[in-house]
Amino acid sequence: MQQRSVGTTGLKVSRLGLGTMTWGRDTDEHEARDQLIAFAEAGGTFLDTAAGYGNGASEELIGTLIGDVVARDEIVLATKAGISSRRGTREYNVGRGHLLATLDSSLRRLGVDSVDLWQVHIWSDDSPLEETLSALDAAVTSGRASYVGISNYAGWQTAQAATWQRAVPGRAVLASTQVEYSLLNRAVEHEVLPAAAALGLGVLPWSPLGRGVLTGKYRTGTPSDSRAASSHFANFVGAYLGERSGQVVEAVARAADGLGWTPLEVALAWVRDRPGVTAPVVGARTAAQLRAALGVEELTLPPEIVDALDDVSGD
């Protein structure tokens, strides 16, 4: 698998990342092991998790696989802090103390001394930005993280954070921003992507398959084994099951038929090769689904197909 630089930093990752949001909850150890084996065999290196995924369950599961399935130095390990769940309620805390305590807990669960990329998972007005960013500085200077980034920041928030970090020599320069980006959600093109390009941040799209909708699996209903059929993902997926999304999905399906590809391959190749994108992060329910996504490595969309998809999915 081809490797790409994360923004203007020296960090390099595979141009497809493996997301682990469901690991330890919907994805058990056996399935996670199979996914990681398939990913590593395909040349994938970028493994993304978060402290808030399953309240640490994802990190714990990854910790059991590092050194067994893959060597620590064969992966680029990324995690996040700032979102947690308590009694079924999402909580945001990006204060310095909470972030650094969360990082220490992440390292214990992962069984490592440091991570390659540590990201603030969410913007919150409850903590001053300079306090949040000082946690990133502390993580790098203490050796607990090699690079740092942000996630789910708006365009102006991205610019403010990146500019703050560049203002004084010695601060940890932001390497990346992780945002939702797909043919069904192109909102980041207006402000986030230009800000990232101007300030040297790599873009790591999450949900590049439109929360699974762009695979075409929901064209005739909701499969019983799909995420939309589960109680904790029904609303998440349902947001993209409207008429406009359906038009985009049909365009992707037509393109796939013409190329002899799958809709998944068309949608993933589109976002992977957008300007500024470093590596889409793909989460799969099964190893078979992941292998289907990994097949996109050998594919590049023809320019005329890209233009057609841009037209049908644009504002």
C-alpha atoms as a PDB file:
ATOM      1  CA  MET A   1       0.000   0.000   0.000  1.00  0.00           C
ATOM      2  CA  GLN A   2       1.272   3.454  -0.861  1.00  0.00           C
ATOM      3  CA  GLN A   3       2.465   5.674   1.979  1.00  0.00           C
ATOM      4  CA  ARG A   4       1.663   9.357   2.347  1.00  0.00           C
ATOM      5  CA  SER A   5       3.072  12.133   4.521  1.00  0.00           C
ATOM      6  CA  VAL A   6       0.717  13.518   7.140  1.00  0.00           C
ATOM      7  CA  GLY A   7       0.560  17.166   6.183  1.00  0.00           C
ATOM      8  CA  THR A   8       3.976  18.793   6.127  1.00  0.00           C
ATOM      9  CA  THR A   9       5.356  16.594   8.917  1.00  0.00           C
ATOM     10  CA  GLY A  10       7.755  13.679   8.691  1.00  0.00           C
ATOM     11  CA  LEU A  11       5.074  11.218   9.747  1.00  0.00           C
ATOM     12  CA  LYS A  12       4.102   8.743   7.020  1.00  0.00           C
ATOM     13  CA  VAL A  13       1.065   6.479   6.999  1.00  0.00           C
ATOM     14  CA  SER A  14      -0.620   4.075   4.607  1.00  0.00           C
ATOM     15  CA  ARG A  15      -3.110   5.905   2.407  1.00  0.00           C
ATOM     16  CA  LEU A  16      -5.913   3.924   3.988  1.00  0.00           C
ATOM     17  CA  GLY A  17      -6.413   3.769   7.737  1.00  0.00           C
ATOM     18  CA  LEU A  18      -8.097   1.085   9.821  1.00  0.00           C
ATOM     19  CA  GLY A  19     -10.762   2.449  12.157  1.00  0.00           C
ATOM     20  CA  THR A  20     -11.618   0.576  15.344  1.00  0.00           C
ATOM     21  CA  MET A  21     -14.648   2.388  16.766  1.00  0.00           C
ATOM     22  CA  THR A  22     -16.627  -0.851  17.215  1.00  0.00           C
ATOM     23  CA  TRP A  23     -13.757  -3.009  18.469  1.00  0.00           C
ATOM     24  CA  GLY A  24     -14.411  -4.498  21.877  1.00  0.00           C
ATOM     25  CA  ARG A  25     -18.148  -3.870  21.555  1.00  0.00           C
ATOM     26  CA  ASP A  26     -19.640  -5.002  18.219  1.00  0.00           C
ATOM     27  CA  THR A  27     -16.356  -6.424  16.939  1.00  0.00           C
ATOM     28  CA  ASP A  28     -14.919  -9.212  19.101  1.00  0.00           C
ATOM     29  CA  GLU A  29     -11.284 -10.251  19.504  1.00  0.00           C
ATOM     30  CA  HIS A  30     -11.439 -12.943  16.821  1.00  0.00           C
ATOM     31  CA  GLU A  31     -12.878 -10.583  14.195  1.00  0.00           C
ATOM     32  CA  ALA A  32     -10.519  -7.766  15.179  1.00  0.00           C
ATOM     33  CA  ARG A  33      -7.551 -10.095  14.845  1.00  0.00           C
ATOM     34  CA  ASP A  34      -8.639 -11.136  11.352  1.00  0.00           C
ATOM     35  CA  GLN A  35      -9.092  -7.507  10.332  1.00  0.00           C
ATOM     36  CA  LEU A  36      -5.686  -6.455  11.587  1.00  0.00           C
ATOM     37  CA  ILE A  37      -4.012  -9.412   9.860  1.00  0.00           C
ATOM     38  CA  ALA A  38      -5.703  -8.550   6.563  1.00  0.00           C
ATOM     39  CA  PHE A  39      -4.800  -4.877   6.937  1.00  0.00           C
ATOM     40  CA  ALA A  40      -1.149  -5.564   7.729  1.00  0.00           C
ATOM     41  CA  GLU A  41      -0.817  -8.110   4.912  1.00  0.00           C
ATOM     42  CA  ALA A  42      -2.108  -5.467   2.483  1.00  0.00           C
ATOM     43  CA  GLY A  43       0.610  -3.068   3.639  1.00  0.00           C
ATOM     44  CA  GLY A  44      -1.625  -0.974   5.885  1.00  0.00           C
ATOM     45  CA  THR A  45       0.101   0.813   8.758  1.00  0.00           C
ATOM     46  CA  PHE A  46      -2.297   3.464  10.074  1.00  0.00           C
ATOM     47  CA  LEU A  47      -4.370   2.146  13.011  1.00  0.00           C
ATOM     48  CA  ASP A  48      -6.824   4.626  14.534  1.00  0.00           C
ATOM     49  CA  THR A  49      -8.658   4.372  17.853  1.00  0.00           C
ATOM     50  CA  ALA A  50      -9.846   6.595  20.711  1.00  0.00           C
ATOM     51  CA  ALA A  51     -10.213   6.462  24.465  1.00  0.00           C
ATOM     52  CA  GLY A  52     -13.933   6.995  24.006  1.00  0.00           C
ATOM     53  CA  TYR A  53     -14.458   3.977  21.758  1.00  0.00           C
ATOM     54  CA  GLY A  54     -16.315   1.539  23.966  1.00  0.00           C
ATOM     55  CA  ASN A  55     -15.016   3.429  27.021  1.00  0.00           C
ATOM     56  CA  GLY A  56     -11.529   2.120  26.349  1.00  0.00           C
ATOM     57  CA  ALA A  57     -12.541  -1.324  25.088  1.00  0.00           C
ATOM     58  CA  SER A  58     -11.129  -0.643  21.618  1.00  0.00           C
ATOM     59  CA  GLU A  59      -7.749   0.352  23.022  1.00  0.00           C
ATOM     60  CA  GLU A  60      -7.677  -2.663  25.329  1.00  0.00           C
ATOM     61  CA  LEU A  61      -8.344  -5.011  22.427  1.00  0.00           C
ATOM     62  CA  ILE A  62      -5.656  -3.379  20.300  1.00  0.00           C
ATOM     63  CA  GLY A  63      -3.272  -3.746  23.228  1.00  0.00           C
ATOM     64  CA  THR A  64      -3.731  -7.523  23.157  1.00  0.00           C
ATOM     65  CA  LEU A  65      -2.939  -7.643  19.423  1.00  0.00           C
ATOM     66  CA  ILE A  66       0.171  -5.454  19.327  1.00  0.00           C
ATOM     67  CA  GLY A  67       3.221  -7.698  19.525  1.00  0.00           C
ATOM     68  CA  ASP A  68       1.104 -10.698  18.629  1.00  0.00           C
ATOM     69  CA  VAL A  69      -0.495  -9.903  15.275  1.00  0.00           C
ATOM     70  CA  VAL A  70       1.768  -6.974  14.382  1.00  0.00           C
ATOM     71  CA  ALA A  71       4.977  -5.587  15.836  1.00  0.00           C
ATOM     72  CA  ARG A  72       4.727  -2.178  17.471  1.00  0.00           C
ATOM     73  CA  ASP A  73       7.139  -0.618  14.980  1.00  0.00           C
ATOM     74  CA  GLU A  74       5.110  -1.892  12.007  1.00  0.00           C
ATOM     75  CA  ILE A  75       2.085   0.307  12.737  1.00  0.00           C
ATOM     76  CA  VAL A  76       1.372   4.000  13.110  1.00  0.00           C
ATOM     77  CA  LEU A  77      -0.733   4.026  16.261  1.00  0.00           C
ATOM     78  CA  ALA A  78      -3.182   6.898  16.696  1.00  0.00           C
ATOM     79  CA  THR A  79      -5.655   7.590  19.465  1.00  0.00           C
ATOM     80  CA  LYS A  80      -7.803  10.470  20.716  1.00  0.00           C
ATOM     81  CA  ALA A  81      -9.008  12.040  23.952  1.00  0.00           C
ATOM     82  CA  GLY A  82     -11.825  14.367  24.912  1.00  0.00           C
ATOM     83  CA  ILE A  83     -15.001  12.303  24.451  1.00  0.00           C
ATOM     84  CA  SER A  84     -16.301   9.784  26.957  1.00  0.00           C
ATOM     85  CA  SER A  85     -19.593   8.133  27.848  1.00  0.00           C
ATOM     86  CA  ARG A  86     -21.163   7.871  31.264  1.00  0.00           C
ATOM     87  CA  ARG A  87     -24.482   6.134  31.857  1.00  0.00           C
ATOM     88  CA  GLY A  88     -25.204   6.319  28.157  1.00  0.00           C
ATOM     89  CA  THR A  89     -24.537  10.066  27.939  1.00  0.00           C
ATOM     90  CA  ARG A  90     -21.742  11.558  25.881  1.00  0.00           C
ATOM     91  CA  GLU A  91     -19.433  13.895  27.778  1.00  0.00           C
ATOM     92  CA  TYR A  92     -16.846  16.302  26.406  1.00  0.00           C
ATOM     93  CA  ASN A  93     -13.805  17.414  28.395  1.00  0.00           C
ATOM     94  CA  VAL A  94     -10.760  18.926  26.717  1.00  0.00           C
ATOM     95  CA  GLY A  95      -9.182  20.471  29.804  1.00  0.00           C
ATOM     96  CA  ARG A  96      -5.442  19.908  30.145  1.00  0.00           C
ATOM     97  CA  GLY A  97      -5.646  17.700  33.216  1.00  0.00           C
ATOM     98  CA  HIS A  98      -8.359  15.468  31.816  1.00  0.00           C
ATOM     99  CA  LEU A  99      -6.658  15.099  28.440  1.00  0.00           C
ATOM    100  CA  LEU A 100      -3.294  14.113  29.903  1.00  0.00           C
ATOM    101  CA  ALA A 101      -4.867  11.706  32.398  1.00  0.00           C
ATOM    102  CA  THR A 102      -6.790  10.152  29.501  1.00  0.00           C
ATOM    103  CA  LEU A 103      -3.592   9.802  27.490  1.00  0.00           C
ATOM    104  CA  ASP A 104      -1.909   7.969  30.359  1.00  0.00           C
ATOM    105  CA  SER A 105      -4.893   5.608  30.575  1.00  0.00           C
ATOM    106  CA  SER A 106      -4.755   5.057  26.823  1.00  0.00           C
ATOM    107  CA  LEU A 107      -1.086   4.130  26.979  1.00  0.00           C
ATOM    108  CA  ARG A 108      -1.796   1.602  29.742  1.00  0.00           C
ATOM    109  CA  ARG A 109      -4.633   0.008  27.806  1.00  0.00           C
ATOM    110  CA  LEU A 110      -2.612  -0.104  24.592  1.00  0.00           C
ATOM    111  CA  GLY A 111       0.413  -1.484  26.424  1.00  0.00           C
ATOM    112  CA  VAL A 112       2.790   1.047  24.870  1.00  0.00           C
ATOM    113  CA  ASP A 113       5.036   3.854  26.087  1.00  0.00           C
ATOM    114  CA  SER A 114       3.923   6.309  23.423  1.00  0.00           C
ATOM    115  CA  VAL A 115       1.582   6.755  20.468  1.00  0.00           C
ATOM    116  CA  ASP A 116       2.546   8.047  17.062  1.00  0.00           C
ATOM    117  CA  LEU A 117      -0.393  10.445  16.762  1.00  0.00           C
ATOM    118  CA  TRP A 118      -2.507  11.824  19.614  1.00  0.00           C
ATOM    119  CA  GLN A 119      -5.588  13.840  18.723  1.00  0.00           C
ATOM    120  CA  VAL A 120      -8.045  16.068  20.562  1.00  0.00           C
ATOM    121  CA  HIS A 121     -11.307  14.356  19.688  1.00  0.00           C
ATOM    122  CA  ILE A 122     -13.650  17.354  19.772  1.00  0.00           C
ATOM    123  CA  TRP A 123     -13.787  21.121  20.177  1.00  0.00           C
ATOM    124  CA  SER A 124     -15.367  22.350  23.408  1.00  0.00           C
ATOM    125  CA  ASP A 125     -16.046  25.897  24.581  1.00  0.00           C
ATOM    126  CA  ASP A 126     -15.808  24.713  28.184  1.00  0.00           C
ATOM    127  CA  SER A 127     -11.999  24.897  28.156  1.00  0.00           C
ATOM    128  CA  PRO A 128      -9.782  27.693  26.788  1.00  0.00           C
ATOM    129  CA  LEU A 129      -8.141  26.658  23.527  1.00  0.00           C
ATOM    130  CA  GLU A 130      -4.682  27.494  24.830  1.00  0.00           C
ATOM    131  CA  GLU A 131      -5.226  25.115  27.752  1.00  0.00           C
ATOM    132  CA  THR A 132      -6.311  22.314  25.422  1.00  0.00           C
ATOM    133  CA  LEU A 133      -3.335  22.854  23.146  1.00  0.00           C
ATOM    134  CA  SER A 134      -0.913  22.965  26.084  1.00  0.00           C
ATOM    135  CA  ALA A 135      -1.825  19.318  26.704  1.00  0.00           C
ATOM    136  CA  LEU A 136      -0.614  18.502  23.187  1.00  0.00           C
ATOM    137  CA  ASP A 137       2.668  20.273  23.907  1.00  0.00           C
ATOM    138  CA  ALA A 138       3.068  18.306  27.138  1.00  0.00           C
ATOM    139  CA  ALA A 139       2.371  15.017  25.376  1.00  0.00           C
ATOM    140  CA  VAL A 140       5.120  15.641  22.833  1.00  0.00           C
ATOM    141  CA  THR A 141       7.742  17.066  25.197  1.00  0.00           C
ATOM    142  CA  SER A 142       7.212  14.160  27.625  1.00  0.00           C
ATOM    143  CA  GLY A 143       7.624  11.599  24.838  1.00  0.00           C
ATOM    144  CA  ARG A 144       4.123  10.207  25.209  1.00  0.00           C
ATOM    145  CA  ALA A 145       3.209  11.209  21.640  1.00  0.00           C
ATOM    146  CA  SER A 146       5.355  11.768  18.575  1.00  0.00           C
ATOM    147  CA  TYR A 147       2.824  13.905  16.694  1.00  0.00           C
ATOM    148  CA  VAL A 148      -0.452  15.594  17.583  1.00  0.00           C
ATOM    149  CA  GLY A 149      -3.627  16.573  15.788  1.00  0.00           C
ATOM    150  CA  ILE A 150      -7.228  17.648  16.135  1.00  0.00           C
ATOM    151  CA  SER A 151     -10.552  16.100  15.213  1.00  0.00           C
ATOM    152  CA  ASN A 152     -14.007  17.438  14.376  1.00  0.00           C
ATOM    153  CA  TYR A 153     -12.902  21.087  14.383  1.00  0.00           C
ATOM    154  CA  ALA A 154     -14.690  23.641  12.190  1.00  0.00           C
ATOM    155  CA  GLY A 155     -12.678  25.678   9.709  1.00  0.00           C
ATOM    156  CA  TRP A 156     -12.102  28.691  11.942  1.00  0.00           C
ATOM    157  CA  GLN A 157     -11.300  26.435  14.890  1.00  0.00           C
ATOM    158  CA  THR A 158      -8.755  24.557  12.783  1.00  0.00           C
ATOM    159  CA  ALA A 159      -7.113  27.801  11.685  1.00  0.00           C
ATOM    160  CA  GLN A 160      -7.060  29.221  15.193  1.00  0.00           C
ATOM    161  CA  ALA A 161      -5.542  26.092  16.717  1.00  0.00           C
ATOM    162  CA  ALA A 162      -2.915  25.629  14.014  1.00  0.00           C
ATOM    163  CA  THR A 163      -1.944  29.307  14.059  1.00  0.00           C
ATOM    164  CA  TRP A 164      -1.624  29.303  17.851  1.00  0.00           C
ATOM    165  CA  GLN A 165       0.714  26.324  17.720  1.00  0.00           C
ATOM    166  CA  ARG A 166       2.881  27.937  15.047  1.00  0.00           C
ATOM    167  CA  ALA A 167       3.076  31.291  16.805  1.00  0.00           C
ATOM    168  CA  VAL A 168       5.764  30.337  19.304  1.00  0.00           C
ATOM    169  CA  PRO A 169       8.778  28.125  18.494  1.00  0.00           C
ATOM    170  CA  GLY A 170       8.842  24.934  20.519  1.00  0.00           C
ATOM    171  CA  ARG A 171       5.126  24.263  20.513  1.00  0.00           C
ATOM    172  CA  ALA A 172       3.886  20.999  19.046  1.00  0.00           C
ATOM    173  CA  VAL A 173       2.835  21.832  15.493  1.00  0.00           C
ATOM    174  CA  LEU A 174      -0.438  20.193  14.478  1.00  0.00           C
ATOM    175  CA  ALA A 175       0.058  17.341  12.023  1.00  0.00           C
ATOM    176  CA  SER A 176      -3.518  16.487  11.121  1.00  0.00           C
ATOM    177  CA  THR A 177      -7.222  17.017  11.378  1.00  0.00           C
ATOM    178  CA  GLN A 178      -9.721  14.159  11.365  1.00  0.00           C
ATOM    179  CA  VAL A 179     -13.149  15.079  10.005  1.00  0.00           C
ATOM    180  CA  GLU A 180     -16.151  13.428   8.415  1.00  0.00           C
ATOM    181  CA  TYR A 181     -15.811  13.540   4.625  1.00  0.00           C
ATOM    182  CA  SER A 182     -17.526  11.558   1.896  1.00  0.00           C
ATOM    183  CA  LEU A 183     -19.685  11.957  -1.188  1.00  0.00           C
ATOM    184  CA  LEU A 184     -22.620  12.319   1.221  1.00  0.00           C
ATOM    185  CA  ASN A 185     -20.950  14.964   3.378  1.00  0.00           C
ATOM    186  CA  ARG A 186     -18.696  17.470   1.630  1.00  0.00           C
ATOM    187  CA  ALA A 187     -19.172  20.312   4.112  1.00  0.00           C
ATOM    188  CA  VAL A 188     -15.478  20.365   5.033  1.00  0.00           C
ATOM    189  CA  GLU A 189     -14.589  21.502   1.521  1.00  0.00           C
ATOM    190  CA  HIS A 190     -15.844  25.023   2.269  1.00  0.00           C
ATOM    191  CA  GLU A 191     -13.534  25.954   5.148  1.00  0.00           C
ATOM    192  CA  VAL A 192     -11.776  23.014   6.815  1.00  0.00           C
ATOM    193  CA  LEU A 193      -9.881  21.741   3.775  1.00  0.00           C
ATOM    194  CA  PRO A 194      -8.637  25.207   2.728  1.00  0.00           C
ATOM    195  CA  ALA A 195      -7.494  25.889   6.299  1.00  0.00           C
ATOM    196  CA  ALA A 196      -5.720  22.540   6.491  1.00  0.00           C
ATOM    197  CA  ALA A 197      -4.004  23.139   3.147  1.00  0.00           C
ATOM    198  CA  ALA A 198      -2.866  26.632   4.121  1.00  0.00           C
ATOM    199  CA  LEU A 199      -1.484  25.495   7.465  1.00  0.00           C
ATOM    200  CA  GLY A 200       0.067  22.180   6.446  1.00  0.00           C
ATOM    201  CA  LEU A 201      -2.313  19.731   8.140  1.00  0.00           C
ATOM    202  CA  GLY A 202      -3.022  16.307   6.700  1.00  0.00           C
ATOM    203  CA  VAL A 203      -6.717  15.423   6.421  1.00  0.00           C
ATOM    204  CA  LEU A 204      -7.905  12.071   7.790  1.00  0.00           C
ATOM    205  CA  PRO A 205     -11.521  11.528   6.692  1.00  0.00           C
ATOM    206  CA  TRP A 206     -13.714   9.432   8.954  1.00  0.00           C
ATOM    207  CA  SER A 207     -16.813   7.675   7.637  1.00  0.00           C
ATOM    208  CA  PRO A 208     -15.554   7.954   4.030  1.00  0.00           C
ATOM    209  CA  LEU A 209     -18.317   5.559   2.942  1.00  0.00           C
ATOM    210  CA  GLY A 210     -21.092   7.816   4.206  1.00  0.00           C
ATOM    211  CA  ARG A 211     -21.659   5.740   7.357  1.00  0.00           C
ATOM    212  CA  GLY A 212     -21.897   2.676   5.131  1.00  0.00           C
ATOM    213  CA  VAL A 213     -24.680   4.058   2.941  1.00  0.00           C
ATOM    214  CA  LEU A 214     -22.423   4.541  -0.103  1.00  0.00           C
ATOM    215  CA  THR A 215     -21.802   0.800  -0.300  1.00  0.00           C
ATOM    216  CA  GLY A 216     -25.363   0.482  -1.611  1.00  0.00           C
ATOM    217  CA  LYS A 217     -26.421  -1.943   1.096  1.00  0.00           C
ATOM    218  CA  TYR A 218     -29.452   0.212   2.023  1.00  0.00           C
ATOM    219  CA  ARG A 219     -30.813   0.716  -1.514  1.00  0.00           C
ATOM    220  CA  THR A 220     -33.662  -1.749  -0.975  1.00  0.00           C
ATOM    221  CA  GLY A 221     -34.056  -1.644   2.790  1.00  0.00           C
ATOM    222  CA  THR A 222     -32.126  -2.124   6.014  1.00  0.00           C
ATOM    223  CA  PRO A 223     -30.259  -5.458   6.290  1.00  0.00           C
ATOM    224  CA  SER A 224     -30.755  -7.113   9.668  1.00  0.00           C
ATOM    225  CA  ASP A 225     -27.004  -7.392  10.249  1.00  0.00           C
ATOM    226  CA  SER A 226     -26.206  -3.776   9.297  1.00  0.00           C
ATOM    227  CA  ARG A 227     -25.310  -0.896  11.593  1.00  0.00           C
ATOM    228  CA  ALA A 228     -28.598   0.844  10.791  1.00  0.00           C
ATOM    229  CA  ALA A 229     -30.386  -2.136  12.337  1.00  0.00           C
ATOM    230  CA  SER A 230     -28.584  -1.706  15.667  1.00  0.00           C
ATOM    231  CA  SER A 231     -30.028   0.533  18.366  1.00  0.00           C
ATOM    232  CA  HIS A 232     -26.863   2.594  18.891  1.00  0.00           C
ATOM    233  CA  PHE A 233     -26.195   3.261  15.192  1.00  0.00           C
ATOM    234  CA  ALA A 234     -29.715   3.566  13.741  1.00  0.00           C
ATOM    235  CA  ASN A 235     -29.902   7.363  13.985  1.00  0.00           C
ATOM    236  CA  PHE A 236     -26.265   7.750  12.947  1.00  0.00           C
ATOM    237  CA  VAL A 237     -26.869   5.913   9.670  1.00  0.00           C
ATOM    238  CA  GLY A 238     -30.444   7.104   9.251  1.00  0.00           C
ATOM    239  CA  ALA A 239     -29.267  10.677   8.699  1.00  0.00           C
ATOM    240  CA  TYR A 240     -28.032   9.581   5.259  1.00  0.00           C
ATOM    241  CA  LEU A 241     -31.013   7.556   4.131  1.00  0.00           C
ATOM    242  CA  GLY A 242     -33.009  10.439   2.641  1.00  0.00           C
ATOM    243  CA  GLU A 243     -33.919  11.249  -0.959  1.00  0.00           C
ATOM    244  CA  ARG A 244     -30.897  13.399  -1.754  1.00  0.00           C
ATOM    245  CA  SER A 245     -28.480  10.791  -0.394  1.00  0.00           C
ATOM    246  CA  GLY A 246     -30.312   8.189  -2.456  1.00  0.00           C
ATOM    247  CA  GLN A 247     -29.568  10.130  -5.632  1.00  0.00           C
ATOM    248  CA  VAL A 248     -25.855  10.153  -4.817  1.00  0.00           C
ATOM    249  CA  VAL A 249     -25.885   6.454  -3.991  1.00  0.00           C
ATOM    250  CA  GLU A 250     -27.548   5.669  -7.324  1.00  0.00           C
ATOM    251  CA  ALA A 251     -24.912   7.723  -9.161  1.00  0.00           C
ATOM    252  CA  VAL A 252     -22.166   5.803  -7.369  1.00  0.00           C
ATOM    253  CA  ALA A 253     -23.862   2.511  -8.277  1.00  0.00           C
ATOM    254  CA  ARG A 254     -24.097   3.509 -11.945  1.00  0.00           C
ATOM    255  CA  ALA A 255     -20.422   4.473 -11.984  1.00  0.00           C
ATOM    256  CA  ALA A 256     -19.532   1.163 -10.388  1.00  0.00           C
ATOM    257  CA  ASP A 257     -21.531  -0.789 -12.954  1.00  0.00           C
ATOM    258  CA  GLY A 258     -19.801   1.047 -15.795  1.00  0.00           C
ATOM    259  CA  LEU A 259     -16.345   0.445 -14.397  1.00  0.00           C
ATOM    260  CA  GLY A 260     -16.912  -3.126 -13.248  1.00  0.00           C
ATOM    261  CA  TRP A 261     -16.170  -2.023  -9.666  1.00  0.00           C
ATOM    262  CA  THR A 262     -18.217  -2.120  -6.483  1.00  0.00           C
ATOM    263  CA  PRO A 263     -19.947   1.014  -5.130  1.00  0.00           C
ATOM    264  CA  LEU A 264     -17.623   0.788  -2.116  1.00  0.00           C
ATOM    265  CA  GLU A 265     -14.567   1.028  -4.356  1.00  0.00           C
ATOM    266  CA  VAL A 266     -15.953   4.025  -6.240  1.00  0.00           C
ATOM    267  CA  ALA A 267     -16.845   5.955  -3.077  1.00  0.00           C
ATOM    268  CA  LEU A 268     -13.591   5.162  -1.304  1.00  0.00           C
ATOM    269  CA  ALA A 269     -11.352   5.947  -4.290  1.00  0.00           C
ATOM    270  CA  TRP A 270     -13.135   9.292  -4.676  1.00  0.00           C
ATOM    271  CA  VAL A 271     -12.411  10.506  -1.138  1.00  0.00           C
ATOM    272  CA  ARG A 272      -8.931   8.935  -0.938  1.00  0.00           C
ATOM    273  CA  ASP A 273      -7.736  11.021  -3.867  1.00  0.00           C
ATOM    274  CA  ARG A 274      -9.327  14.348  -2.965  1.00  0.00           C
ATOM    275  CA  PRO A 275      -6.858  17.260  -2.634  1.00  0.00           C
ATOM    276  CA  GLY A 276      -5.333  17.413   0.814  1.00  0.00           C
ATOM    277  CA  VAL A 277      -6.504  13.988   1.955  1.00  0.00           C
ATOM    278  CA  THR A 278      -3.855  11.815   3.590  1.00  0.00           C
ATOM    279  CA  ALA A 279      -5.766   8.662   4.505  1.00  0.00           C
ATOM    280  CA  PRO A 280      -9.472   7.849   4.853  1.00  0.00           C
ATOM    281  CA  VAL A 281     -10.191   5.850   8.002  1.00  0.00           C
ATOM    282  CA  VAL A 282     -12.320   2.792   7.224  1.00  0.00           C
ATOM    283  CA  GLY A 283     -14.189   0.858   9.877  1.00  0.00           C
ATOM    284  CA  ALA A 284     -15.483  -2.566   8.910  1.00  0.00           C
ATOM    285  CA  ARG A 285     -17.848  -4.949  10.670  1.00  0.00           C
ATOM    286  CA  THR A 286     -16.087  -8.026   9.298  1.00  0.00           C
ATOM    287  CA  ALA A 287     -12.712  -8.939   7.837  1.00  0.00           C
ATOM    288  CA  ALA A 288     -14.451  -9.721   4.545  1.00  0.00           C
ATOM    289  CA  GLN A 289     -15.790  -6.172   4.380  1.00  0.00           C
ATOM    290  CA  LEU A 290     -12.336  -4.796   5.131  1.00  0.00           C
ATOM    291  CA  ARG A 291     -10.727  -6.895   2.400  1.00  0.00           C
ATOM    292  CA  ALA A 292     -13.274  -5.474  -0.040  1.00  0.00           C
ATOM    293  CA  ALA A 293     -12.146  -1.983   0.924  1.00  0.00           C
ATOM    294  CA  LEU A 294      -8.460  -2.856   0.683  1.00  0.00           C
ATOM    295  CA  GLY A 295      -8.972  -3.786  -2.955  1.00  0.00           C
ATOM    296  CA  VAL A 296      -9.243  -0.091  -3.799  1.00  0.00           C
ATOM    297  CA  GLU A 297      -5.465   0.239  -3.558  1.00  0.00           C
ATOM    298  CA  GLU A 298      -5.036  -0.762  -7.191  1.00  0.00           C
ATOM    299  CA  LEU A 299      -7.828   1.499  -8.472  1.00  0.00           C
ATOM    300  CA  THR A 300      -8.006   5.124  -9.624  1.00  0.00           C
ATOM    301  CA  LEU A 301     -11.192   6.795 -10.784  1.00  0.00           C
ATOM    302  CA  PRO A 302     -11.224   8.182 -14.338  1.00  0.00           C
ATOM    303  CA  PRO A 303     -11.428  12.019 -14.340  1.00  0.00           C
ATOM    304  CA  GLU A 304     -14.800  12.030 -16.093  1.00  0.00           C
ATOM    305  CA  ILE A 305     -16.286   9.844 -13.347  1.00  0.00           C
ATOM    306  CA  VAL A 306     -14.843  12.130 -10.679  1.00  0.00           C
ATOM    307  CA  ASP A 307     -16.451  15.138 -12.401  1.00  0.00           C
ATOM    308  CA  ALA A 308     -19.809  13.394 -12.639  1.00  0.00           C
ATOM    309  CA  LEU A 309     -19.763  12.429  -8.962  1.00  0.00           C
ATOM    310  CA  ASP A 310     -18.722  15.953  -8.003  1.00  0.00           C
ATOM    311  CA  ASP A 311     -21.715  17.326  -9.867  1.00  0.00           C
ATOM    312  CA  VAL A 312     -24.311  15.022  -8.364  1.00  0.00           C
ATOM    313  CA  SER A 313     -22.975  15.291  -4.787  1.00  0.00           C
ATOM    314  CA  GLY A 314     -22.166  19.019  -4.707  1.00  0.00           C
ATOM    315  CA  ASP A 315     -24.230  21.711  -3.014  1.00  0.00           C
END
